[in-house]
Amino acid sequence: MKIIVTFRARRNCSLQYRKQQLEECKLTEIKNKSEYAKAGVDYQKIEPFKQAMIEVGKRTLAFPNPRGVFIDEEILHAHGAVYWYEGNLPHIWGKTTEGLGNKNWIAEWMYQFDGTGRTYYEGIGIDSGLMAVNDLIAQGILPVIYTDEVAAGDSEWFADEKRSKDLAESFFKVCEMVGMALPAGESPALRYLIKAEPPVKSAPSLSGCVTGIAAPSSRIITGRELQSGDHIVAVKSSGFHANGASLIIKKAMALPEKFLTKISNGNTLGEEALIPTRSYVALVEAWLENEVNIHALLPGTGGGLAKIAFDSRQYSYHIHDWWAEDEIHPLFQFMEELGVSLRDRLTTFNMNGGYYAYAPASEVSRAIDIGEEQGYELINVGLVEKGPRKVVIVPGIFNKEGIILPPPGE
């Protein structure tokens, strides 16, 4: 009995001593931190995230090979890459840069408040990558290289291993989905620039640059061939994608349960808002390979349906068909319930129109058939006509009176 008591006493004493040592070590660690770390850039906290992204990036390097693009793995590192085209076709390169905007603030809110432990970052890398990719393919250029930036307001954000893993894996998913590699990226801590709106403690800014190739170069779609008589084919989105997040956040935060509010399909508002953006790469690639005569392509992003009048020339865009009211994504319907006007919804959200193709009448049926074979839902929604630059939505589509939308920004 005495032996047991003595053992326990020694064990407790030992634990107390170890605890004291650990506290002293922590104090020493704090004292030994560099001035840079004390100023907000702690590489010890950022490095695990960097390594997670590098490891994911290595798994993507062969994805652009089917398009004839290869990456030199011998000189791969965190800040750049060397790549080349090995095909024998005349080709041209393209590039664009895009940011995600405020969508991941919603993921941060859900992670912080919904109590499930889910990070909600499983689709955020997909969203971030597709913001740039869906823009680039509008020129008939297919993605091959992606470089990302995850810029947080503090080093602490990078220290969450679960969230870091989910985000890194979502970048892998988008690269696999569209056939591009992620050979490099950047992850700075920008204390003096990035501060999340409360109650979210921290939310990074996500952006990236995508490089693509058109091979043969004759596949380039400039939009110059757009003309009166072209039909407008709309491709159904997966949800709001990422445009209009600020309005969704504003409306959600005024609700008693905020993003945990249930909507008509049983999802919470947060879950519905975080459905990943749809990729339209397979669709555009199928059109290119089948030599469908597309005069212009347009991602249904900022500006909502007003963006349909994207060309600066004097054309009117008459919308005579759309998805039925009960087919409109529940999130857009819920915005109506929250008092967002029809005009605001049409000029903010895609309202199901995730992508548009402008093509001559003779190509419409083939374009739709090929798209449906790829698993997309497409509708011939309208016609391009000579006239003042505007979008004319005929009566009976969204309301009884019809509506006219000015070009985006006007």
Foldseek 3Di string as FASTA:
>chain_A
DVVVVVVVVVVVVVVVVVVVVVVVVVVVVVVPDDPVVVVFFDCVLQVVLLVLLQVLLVVLQCLQVVVQKHWDPVPFDAADTDMDGDDDFAKDKDKDKDWLPCLCVLLLCCCVPVPPVDSLLLQVLLLQVQRGQVVVCQFVWAWAEKEKEWEKQGSNVSNPVVNSNSNSVNVSVNCNVRRYGHRYYYYYHRNPPAADDPPRGMGTIMMMMTMTMHGNHVSTADLPQDDFQWFKKFWFKLAQSRWPVVVLQVLQVVDPVRQQPAFDVRHGNSVRSSDHTDHCNVLSVLCSVVVQDFNGKDFCHAQAQLCVLVDPDAKEKEFEADDDPVPFRRNLVVVVVSPQDPLNSRGTGNRGGGMMTIHHPVRVVVSQVSNVVVPIHMDRTTGIHGHGRWYWYPAPHSHRHTDIGHHPPD
